[in-house]
């Protein structure tokens, strides 16, 4: 039996469900967006992914002062904290940690903290750098959320980002950022948001 998550992580699971930190978030929600970060090897690919990710996150969290950062790993937290710090993400002394057992006997560990919106680019860097081999980088999976507004972004690697939000906000992002939607998932998003 896993212990209950601490307050920040609980606020995210309360807003989005207990499965929010599982893979393929987009495919488990009726209303969600999947964006193409355009990942490709090398510095140019990283810059393209980073620029696209910043555009999406700026639009999603417009008007917010801070967000909840949750990073998950199957490794020890000490190296993860160091990796995040190297990327410019400074976790406070009150950052929450939580662990849960997985069905395959692995242990997933989380760290969560509130960060100012000005730190979102550093968290994005940490999320996408590992796949491309850019340093510094983080081995953890990054989630950025404003649970009180039901907004969440998961840049799952340099190729893409899943976004959850209230349907009207998703519809606005669908229109404003149509050029960044992942083409091979576009039919599903069109069915949910076109017209």
C-alpha atoms as a PDB file:
ATOM      1  CA  UNK A   1       0.000   0.000   0.000  1.00  0.00           C
ATOM      2  CA  UNK A   2       1.423   3.361  -1.042  1.00  0.00           C
ATOM      3  CA  UNK A   3       1.268   6.312   1.364  1.00  0.00           C
ATOM      4  CA  UNK A   4      -0.939   9.266   0.435  1.00  0.00           C
ATOM      5  CA  UNK A   5       0.905  11.923  -1.555  1.00  0.00           C
ATOM      6  CA  UNK A   6       1.804  15.219   0.139  1.00  0.00           C
ATOM      7  CA  UNK A   7      -0.303  18.377  -0.477  1.00  0.00           C
ATOM      8  CA  UNK A   8       1.227  19.733  -3.707  1.00  0.00           C
ATOM      9  CA  UNK A   9       1.225  16.353  -5.435  1.00  0.00           C
ATOM     10  CA  UNK A  10      -2.269  15.692  -4.045  1.00  0.00           C
ATOM     11  CA  UNK A  11      -3.471  18.959  -5.589  1.00  0.00           C
ATOM     12  CA  UNK A  12      -2.272  17.735  -8.998  1.00  0.00           C
ATOM     13  CA  UNK A  13      -3.811  14.261  -8.660  1.00  0.00           C
ATOM     14  CA  UNK A  14      -7.060  15.775  -7.342  1.00  0.00           C
ATOM     15  CA  UNK A  15      -7.307  18.033 -10.402  1.00  0.00           C
ATOM     16  CA  UNK A  16      -6.245  15.484 -13.041  1.00  0.00           C
ATOM     17  CA  UNK A  17      -6.662  12.005 -11.567  1.00  0.00           C
ATOM     18  CA  UNK A  18      -4.365   9.429 -10.013  1.00  0.00           C
ATOM     19  CA  UNK A  19      -3.083   8.397 -13.471  1.00  0.00           C
ATOM     20  CA  UNK A  20      -1.783  11.860 -14.368  1.00  0.00           C
ATOM     21  CA  UNK A  21       1.858  10.804 -14.024  1.00  0.00           C
ATOM     22  CA  UNK A  22       1.476   7.729 -16.243  1.00  0.00           C
ATOM     23  CA  UNK A  23       2.742   7.653 -19.873  1.00  0.00           C
ATOM     24  CA  UNK A  24       0.597   8.704 -22.864  1.00  0.00           C
ATOM     25  CA  UNK A  25      -1.479  11.258 -20.987  1.00  0.00           C
ATOM     26  CA  UNK A  26      -2.977  12.559 -24.242  1.00  0.00           C
ATOM     27  CA  UNK A  27      -4.462   9.164 -25.113  1.00  0.00           C
ATOM     28  CA  UNK A  28      -6.133   8.791 -21.729  1.00  0.00           C
ATOM     29  CA  UNK A  29      -8.132  12.036 -21.899  1.00  0.00           C
ATOM     30  CA  UNK A  30     -11.098  12.948 -24.059  1.00  0.00           C
ATOM     31  CA  UNK A  31     -10.036  16.580 -24.189  1.00  0.00           C
ATOM     32  CA  UNK A  32      -6.295  17.169 -24.461  1.00  0.00           C
ATOM     33  CA  UNK A  33      -3.785  18.597 -26.906  1.00  0.00           C
ATOM     34  CA  UNK A  34      -0.560  17.078 -28.147  1.00  0.00           C
ATOM     35  CA  UNK A  35       2.007  19.471 -29.523  1.00  0.00           C
ATOM     36  CA  UNK A  36       4.928  18.805 -31.855  1.00  0.00           C
ATOM     37  CA  UNK A  37       8.159  20.192 -30.458  1.00  0.00           C
ATOM     38  CA  UNK A  38       9.959  19.096 -33.623  1.00  0.00           C
ATOM     39  CA  UNK A  39      12.744  17.190 -31.912  1.00  0.00           C
ATOM     40  CA  UNK A  40      15.818  16.476 -33.978  1.00  0.00           C
ATOM     41  CA  UNK A  41      19.398  15.759 -33.064  1.00  0.00           C
ATOM     42  CA  UNK A  42      21.878  18.527 -32.518  1.00  0.00           C
ATOM     43  CA  UNK A  43      21.783  22.089 -31.333  1.00  0.00           C
ATOM     44  CA  UNK A  44      19.312  23.225 -34.007  1.00  0.00           C
ATOM     45  CA  UNK A  45      16.867  20.512 -32.992  1.00  0.00           C
ATOM     46  CA  UNK A  46      17.187  21.457 -29.347  1.00  0.00           C
ATOM     47  CA  UNK A  47      16.652  25.156 -30.059  1.00  0.00           C
ATOM     48  CA  UNK A  48      13.552  24.388 -32.157  1.00  0.00           C
ATOM     49  CA  UNK A  49      12.101  22.161 -29.405  1.00  0.00           C
ATOM     50  CA  UNK A  50      12.908  24.714 -26.718  1.00  0.00           C
ATOM     51  CA  UNK A  51      11.418  27.649 -28.652  1.00  0.00           C
ATOM     52  CA  UNK A  52       8.224  25.752 -29.439  1.00  0.00           C
ATOM     53  CA  UNK A  53       7.898  24.562 -25.858  1.00  0.00           C
ATOM     54  CA  UNK A  54       8.292  28.093 -24.510  1.00  0.00           C
ATOM     55  CA  UNK A  55       5.602  29.363 -26.870  1.00  0.00           C
ATOM     56  CA  UNK A  56       3.166  26.678 -25.699  1.00  0.00           C
ATOM     57  CA  UNK A  57       3.898  27.113 -21.995  1.00  0.00           C
ATOM     58  CA  UNK A  58       3.707  30.911 -22.211  1.00  0.00           C
ATOM     59  CA  UNK A  59       0.251  30.624 -23.788  1.00  0.00           C
ATOM     60  CA  UNK A  60      -0.957  27.955 -21.377  1.00  0.00           C
ATOM     61  CA  UNK A  61       0.124  29.680 -18.169  1.00  0.00           C
ATOM     62  CA  UNK A  62      -0.488  33.313 -19.217  1.00  0.00           C
ATOM     63  CA  UNK A  63      -1.501  35.376 -16.213  1.00  0.00           C
ATOM     64  CA  UNK A  64      -0.120  32.935 -13.628  1.00  0.00           C
ATOM     65  CA  UNK A  65       2.570  33.988 -11.162  1.00  0.00           C
ATOM     66  CA  UNK A  66       3.719  30.489 -10.264  1.00  0.00           C
ATOM     67  CA  UNK A  67       3.169  26.864 -11.156  1.00  0.00           C
ATOM     68  CA  UNK A  68       3.634  23.531  -9.464  1.00  0.00           C
ATOM     69  CA  UNK A  69       6.628  21.617 -10.761  1.00  0.00           C
ATOM     70  CA  UNK A  70       6.528  17.848 -10.300  1.00  0.00           C
ATOM     71  CA  UNK A  71       9.466  15.733 -11.439  1.00  0.00           C
ATOM     72  CA  UNK A  72       9.389  11.941 -11.307  1.00  0.00           C
ATOM     73  CA  UNK A  73      12.229   9.454 -11.469  1.00  0.00           C
ATOM     74  CA  UNK A  74      12.998   5.810 -10.840  1.00  0.00           C
ATOM     75  CA  UNK A  75      16.406   6.779  -9.489  1.00  0.00           C
ATOM     76  CA  UNK A  76      17.563   8.340  -6.235  1.00  0.00           C
ATOM     77  CA  UNK A  77      16.414  11.921  -5.632  1.00  0.00           C
ATOM     78  CA  UNK A  78      19.825  13.326  -4.698  1.00  0.00           C
ATOM     79  CA  UNK A  79      21.231  13.206  -8.262  1.00  0.00           C
ATOM     80  CA  UNK A  80      17.913  14.469  -9.644  1.00  0.00           C
ATOM     81  CA  UNK A  81      18.005  17.535  -7.405  1.00  0.00           C
ATOM     82  CA  UNK A  82      21.566  18.198  -8.591  1.00  0.00           C
ATOM     83  CA  UNK A  83      20.550  17.809 -12.248  1.00  0.00           C
ATOM     84  CA  UNK A  84      17.649  20.209 -11.793  1.00  0.00           C
ATOM     85  CA  UNK A  85      19.914  22.733 -10.056  1.00  0.00           C
ATOM     86  CA  UNK A  86      22.402  22.460 -12.942  1.00  0.00           C
ATOM     87  CA  UNK A  87      19.520  23.348 -15.292  1.00  0.00           C
ATOM     88  CA  UNK A  88      18.672  26.393 -13.170  1.00  0.00           C
ATOM     89  CA  UNK A  89      15.692  24.888 -11.318  1.00  0.00           C
ATOM     90  CA  UNK A  90      16.180  25.633  -7.638  1.00  0.00           C
ATOM     91  CA  UNK A  91      13.945  23.607  -5.358  1.00  0.00           C
ATOM     92  CA  UNK A  92      13.135  25.157  -2.002  1.00  0.00           C
ATOM     93  CA  UNK A  93      13.814  23.583   1.374  1.00  0.00           C
ATOM     94  CA  UNK A  94      10.078  22.826   1.656  1.00  0.00           C
ATOM     95  CA  UNK A  95       9.952  20.858  -1.625  1.00  0.00           C
ATOM     96  CA  UNK A  96       7.828  17.743  -1.210  1.00  0.00           C
ATOM     97  CA  UNK A  97       8.974  14.217  -1.917  1.00  0.00           C
ATOM     98  CA  UNK A  98       6.869  11.109  -2.341  1.00  0.00           C
ATOM     99  CA  UNK A  99       7.456   7.534  -3.475  1.00  0.00           C
ATOM    100  CA  UNK A 100       5.112   4.841  -4.703  1.00  0.00           C
ATOM    101  CA  UNK A 101       5.580   1.225  -5.692  1.00  0.00           C
ATOM    102  CA  UNK A 102       4.791   0.258  -9.256  1.00  0.00           C
ATOM    103  CA  UNK A 103       3.187  -3.072 -10.286  1.00  0.00           C
ATOM    104  CA  UNK A 104       6.537  -4.180 -11.766  1.00  0.00           C
ATOM    105  CA  UNK A 105       8.216  -3.755  -8.329  1.00  0.00           C
ATOM    106  CA  UNK A 106       9.979  -0.565  -9.350  1.00  0.00           C
ATOM    107  CA  UNK A 107       9.769   2.478  -7.096  1.00  0.00           C
ATOM    108  CA  UNK A 108       8.754   5.814  -8.625  1.00  0.00           C
ATOM    109  CA  UNK A 109       9.854   8.869  -6.667  1.00  0.00           C
ATOM    110  CA  UNK A 110       8.556  12.408  -7.031  1.00  0.00           C
ATOM    111  CA  UNK A 111       9.735  15.834  -5.982  1.00  0.00           C
ATOM    112  CA  UNK A 112       7.378  18.815  -6.147  1.00  0.00           C
ATOM    113  CA  UNK A 113       7.659  22.519  -5.463  1.00  0.00           C
ATOM    114  CA  UNK A 114       6.066  25.785  -6.472  1.00  0.00           C
ATOM    115  CA  UNK A 115       8.220  27.718  -8.925  1.00  0.00           C
ATOM    116  CA  UNK A 116       7.783  31.200 -10.409  1.00  0.00           C
ATOM    117  CA  UNK A 117       6.703  31.343 -14.037  1.00  0.00           C
ATOM    118  CA  UNK A 118      10.137  32.848 -14.788  1.00  0.00           C
ATOM    119  CA  UNK A 119      11.629  29.419 -13.947  1.00  0.00           C
ATOM    120  CA  UNK A 120       9.436  27.544 -16.460  1.00  0.00           C
ATOM    121  CA  UNK A 121      12.064  27.786 -19.252  1.00  0.00           C
ATOM    122  CA  UNK A 122      14.644  26.125 -17.010  1.00  0.00           C
ATOM    123  CA  UNK A 123      12.214  23.299 -16.194  1.00  0.00           C
ATOM    124  CA  UNK A 124      11.510  22.942 -19.924  1.00  0.00           C
ATOM    125  CA  UNK A 125      15.250  22.769 -20.612  1.00  0.00           C
ATOM    126  CA  UNK A 126      15.561  19.983 -18.043  1.00  0.00           C
ATOM    127  CA  UNK A 127      12.693  18.107 -19.708  1.00  0.00           C
ATOM    128  CA  UNK A 128      13.907  18.152 -23.302  1.00  0.00           C
ATOM    129  CA  UNK A 129      17.713  18.222 -23.086  1.00  0.00           C
ATOM    130  CA  UNK A 130      18.209  14.579 -22.082  1.00  0.00           C
ATOM    131  CA  UNK A 131      16.875  13.088 -25.312  1.00  0.00           C
ATOM    132  CA  UNK A 132      19.097  15.250 -27.488  1.00  0.00           C
ATOM    133  CA  UNK A 133      22.217  14.939 -25.365  1.00  0.00           C
ATOM    134  CA  UNK A 134      22.464  18.631 -24.502  1.00  0.00           C
ATOM    135  CA  UNK A 135      23.981  19.448 -21.114  1.00  0.00           C
ATOM    136  CA  UNK A 136      23.002  20.270 -18.463  1.00  0.00           C
ATOM    137  CA  UNK A 137      20.046  17.889 -18.466  1.00  0.00           C
ATOM    138  CA  UNK A 138      17.778  15.936 -16.172  1.00  0.00           C
ATOM    139  CA  UNK A 139      16.792  12.286 -16.183  1.00  0.00           C
ATOM    140  CA  UNK A 140      13.417  13.029 -14.544  1.00  0.00           C
ATOM    141  CA  UNK A 141      10.013  13.424 -16.174  1.00  0.00           C
ATOM    142  CA  UNK A 142       8.729  16.986 -15.830  1.00  0.00           C
ATOM    143  CA  UNK A 143       5.135  18.082 -15.210  1.00  0.00           C
ATOM    144  CA  UNK A 144       4.114  21.726 -14.866  1.00  0.00           C
ATOM    145  CA  UNK A 145       0.689  22.457 -13.412  1.00  0.00           C
ATOM    146  CA  UNK A 146      -1.679  25.118 -12.168  1.00  0.00           C
ATOM    147  CA  UNK A 147      -4.043  22.640 -10.507  1.00  0.00           C
ATOM    148  CA  UNK A 148      -6.376  25.327  -9.178  1.00  0.00           C
ATOM    149  CA  UNK A 149      -6.994  26.306 -12.837  1.00  0.00           C
ATOM    150  CA  UNK A 150      -6.950  22.694 -14.110  1.00  0.00           C
ATOM    151  CA  UNK A 151      -3.928  23.325 -16.372  1.00  0.00           C
ATOM    152  CA  UNK A 152      -1.084  20.875 -16.846  1.00  0.00           C
ATOM    153  CA  UNK A 153       1.744  20.418 -19.334  1.00  0.00           C
ATOM    154  CA  UNK A 154       3.945  17.375 -19.732  1.00  0.00           C
ATOM    155  CA  UNK A 155       6.855  17.936 -22.145  1.00  0.00           C
ATOM    156  CA  UNK A 156       7.513  14.223 -22.476  1.00  0.00           C
ATOM    157  CA  UNK A 157      10.715  14.647 -24.481  1.00  0.00           C
ATOM    158  CA  UNK A 158      12.184  16.843 -27.235  1.00  0.00           C
ATOM    159  CA  UNK A 159       9.501  15.646 -29.667  1.00  0.00           C
ATOM    160  CA  UNK A 160       6.277  16.542 -27.939  1.00  0.00           C
ATOM    161  CA  UNK A 161       4.189  17.954 -25.132  1.00  0.00           C
ATOM    162  CA  UNK A 162       0.790  16.929 -23.796  1.00  0.00           C
ATOM    163  CA  UNK A 163      -1.462  19.663 -22.408  1.00  0.00           C
ATOM    164  CA  UNK A 164      -4.574  19.449 -20.241  1.00  0.00           C
ATOM    165  CA  UNK A 165      -6.798  22.410 -19.374  1.00  0.00           C
ATOM    166  CA  UNK A 166     -10.484  23.311 -19.243  1.00  0.00           C
ATOM    167  CA  UNK A 167     -12.089  22.691 -22.613  1.00  0.00           C
ATOM    168  CA  UNK A 168     -12.542  26.371 -23.524  1.00  0.00           C
ATOM    169  CA  UNK A 169      -8.874  27.084 -22.784  1.00  0.00           C
ATOM    170  CA  UNK A 170      -7.814  24.059 -24.834  1.00  0.00           C
ATOM    171  CA  UNK A 171     -10.012  25.264 -27.698  1.00  0.00           C
ATOM    172  CA  UNK A 172      -8.255  28.647 -27.597  1.00  0.00           C
ATOM    173  CA  UNK A 173      -4.827  26.971 -27.631  1.00  0.00           C
ATOM    174  CA  UNK A 174      -6.020  24.706 -30.448  1.00  0.00           C
ATOM    175  CA  UNK A 175      -6.828  27.792 -32.536  1.00  0.00           C
ATOM    176  CA  UNK A 176      -3.882  29.984 -31.526  1.00  0.00           C
ATOM    177  CA  UNK A 177      -1.201  27.281 -31.718  1.00  0.00           C
ATOM    178  CA  UNK A 178      -2.615  25.155 -34.530  1.00  0.00           C
ATOM    179  CA  UNK A 179       0.733  25.344 -36.345  1.00  0.00           C
ATOM    180  CA  UNK A 180       2.338  23.427 -33.459  1.00  0.00           C
ATOM    181  CA  UNK A 181      -0.161  20.566 -33.108  1.00  0.00           C
ATOM    182  CA  UNK A 182       1.219  17.095 -33.768  1.00  0.00           C
ATOM    183  CA  UNK A 183       0.048  16.188 -37.281  1.00  0.00           C
ATOM    184  CA  UNK A 184      -0.507  12.470 -36.784  1.00  0.00           C
ATOM    185  CA  UNK A 185      -2.825  13.220 -33.809  1.00  0.00           C
ATOM    186  CA  UNK A 186      -4.558  16.153 -35.508  1.00  0.00           C
ATOM    187  CA  UNK A 187      -7.701  14.247 -36.555  1.00  0.00           C
ATOM    188  CA  UNK A 188      -8.483  13.409 -32.930  1.00  0.00           C
ATOM    189  CA  UNK A 189      -7.941  17.035 -31.848  1.00  0.00           C
ATOM    190  CA  UNK A 190      -9.977  18.340 -34.810  1.00  0.00           C
ATOM    191  CA  UNK A 191     -12.861  16.120 -33.760  1.00  0.00           C
ATOM    192  CA  UNK A 192     -12.755  17.553 -30.249  1.00  0.00           C
ATOM    193  CA  UNK A 193     -12.130  21.223 -31.002  1.00  0.00           C
ATOM    194  CA  UNK A 194     -12.793  22.176 -34.637  1.00  0.00           C
ATOM    195  CA  UNK A 195     -16.024  24.172 -34.939  1.00  0.00           C
END
